[in-house]
Amino acid sequence: MPKQKKRPERDIEKHYTQPQFVTKLRRLADCIKQGKRFRIEVAGERISIPPDAVFNIERERGLSMEDVAFQSKWTI
């Protein structure tokens, strides 16, 4: 069995303008609706989200800030 390449764990946050964010959300929604793989590049790293990924929305609330994150999770 071939040895799997170890991938470093890292969190990346990329900021987008409203029009850029809307475009990406529409592409994601279209792929989910059509049962297709969604491909995106974030901070120079290409990511391919399979159609059987699990989608959720996460909310965090602090004293001075709130955060809503749209997440996709899948097994590698």
Protein backbone atom coordinates (compact mmCIF):
# COMPACT_ATOMS: atom_id res chain seq x y z
CA MET A 1 0.00 0.00 0.00
CA PRO A 2 1.49 3.40 -0.94
CA LYS A 3 2.44 5.63 1.95
CA GLN A 4 0.14 8.64 2.31
CA LYS A 5 1.79 12.02 2.16
CA LYS A 6 1.53 13.78 5.52
CA ARG A 7 -0.38 17.03 5.16
CA PRO A 8 0.30 19.84 7.59
CA GLU A 9 -2.64 21.04 9.66
CA ARG A 10 -3.32 24.71 9.16
CA ASP A 11 -6.13 27.18 9.33
CA ILE A 12 -6.40 29.78 6.60
CA GLU A 13 -8.63 32.81 6.55
CA LYS A 14 -9.07 34.76 3.32
CA HIS A 15 -11.01 37.99 3.03
CA TYR A 16 -13.20 38.72 -0.02
CA THR A 17 -15.20 41.66 -1.26
CA GLN A 18 -18.98 41.25 -1.15
CA PRO A 19 -19.22 40.59 -4.92
CA GLN A 20 -16.42 37.98 -4.75
CA PHE A 21 -18.05 36.27 -1.76
CA VAL A 22 -21.46 36.21 -3.47
CA THR A 23 -19.91 34.65 -6.60
CA LYS A 24 -18.23 31.92 -4.56
CA LEU A 25 -21.39 31.18 -2.57
CA ARG A 26 -23.42 30.91 -5.79
CA ARG A 27 -20.89 28.51 -7.32
CA LEU A 28 -20.93 26.43 -4.12
CA ALA A 29 -24.74 26.39 -4.00
CA ASP A 30 -24.92 25.34 -7.67
CA CYS A 31 -22.47 22.47 -7.08
CA ILE A 32 -24.36 21.27 -3.99
CA LYS A 33 -27.69 21.42 -5.84
CA GLN A 34 -26.29 19.52 -8.84
CA GLY A 35 -24.42 16.94 -6.73
CA LYS A 36 -21.07 18.04 -8.19
CA ARG A 37 -17.63 18.48 -6.67
CA PHE A 38 -16.81 22.10 -5.70
CA ARG A 39 -13.30 23.31 -6.43
CA ILE A 40 -11.80 26.45 -4.95
CA GLU A 41 -8.37 27.89 -4.27
CA VAL A 42 -7.77 29.55 -0.90
CA ALA A 43 -4.48 31.31 -0.18
CA GLY A 44 -2.76 29.43 -3.02
CA GLU A 45 -4.01 25.98 -1.96
CA ARG A 46 -6.44 24.11 -4.19
CA ILE A 47 -9.32 22.44 -2.40
CA SER A 48 -11.84 20.00 -3.84
CA ILE A 49 -15.01 19.48 -1.82
CA PRO A 50 -16.77 16.21 -2.71
CA PRO A 51 -20.52 16.15 -3.30
CA ASP A 52 -21.06 13.92 -0.24
CA ALA A 53 -19.50 16.45 2.16
CA VAL A 54 -21.46 17.41 5.27
CA PHE A 55 -22.45 21.08 5.43
CA ASN A 56 -23.16 23.04 8.58
CA ILE A 57 -23.33 26.57 9.90
CA GLU A 58 -21.43 27.48 13.04
CA ARG A 59 -22.02 30.54 15.18
CA GLU A 60 -19.66 31.95 17.80
CA ARG A 61 -20.49 34.85 20.07
CA GLY A 62 -18.09 36.81 22.24
CA LEU A 63 -18.39 40.00 24.24
CA SER A 64 -17.42 42.27 21.36
CA MET A 65 -17.74 40.11 18.22
CA GLU A 66 -19.93 37.49 16.56
CA ASP A 67 -18.91 34.99 13.93
CA VAL A 68 -20.92 32.84 11.52
CA ALA A 69 -19.02 30.25 9.51
CA PHE A 70 -20.39 28.12 6.68
CA GLN A 71 -18.50 24.83 6.87
CA SER A 72 -17.97 21.80 4.67
CA LYS A 73 -16.51 18.64 6.21
CA TRP A 74 -15.49 15.40 4.57
CA THR A 75 -13.23 12.42 5.13
CA ILE A 76 -9.92 12.29 3.29
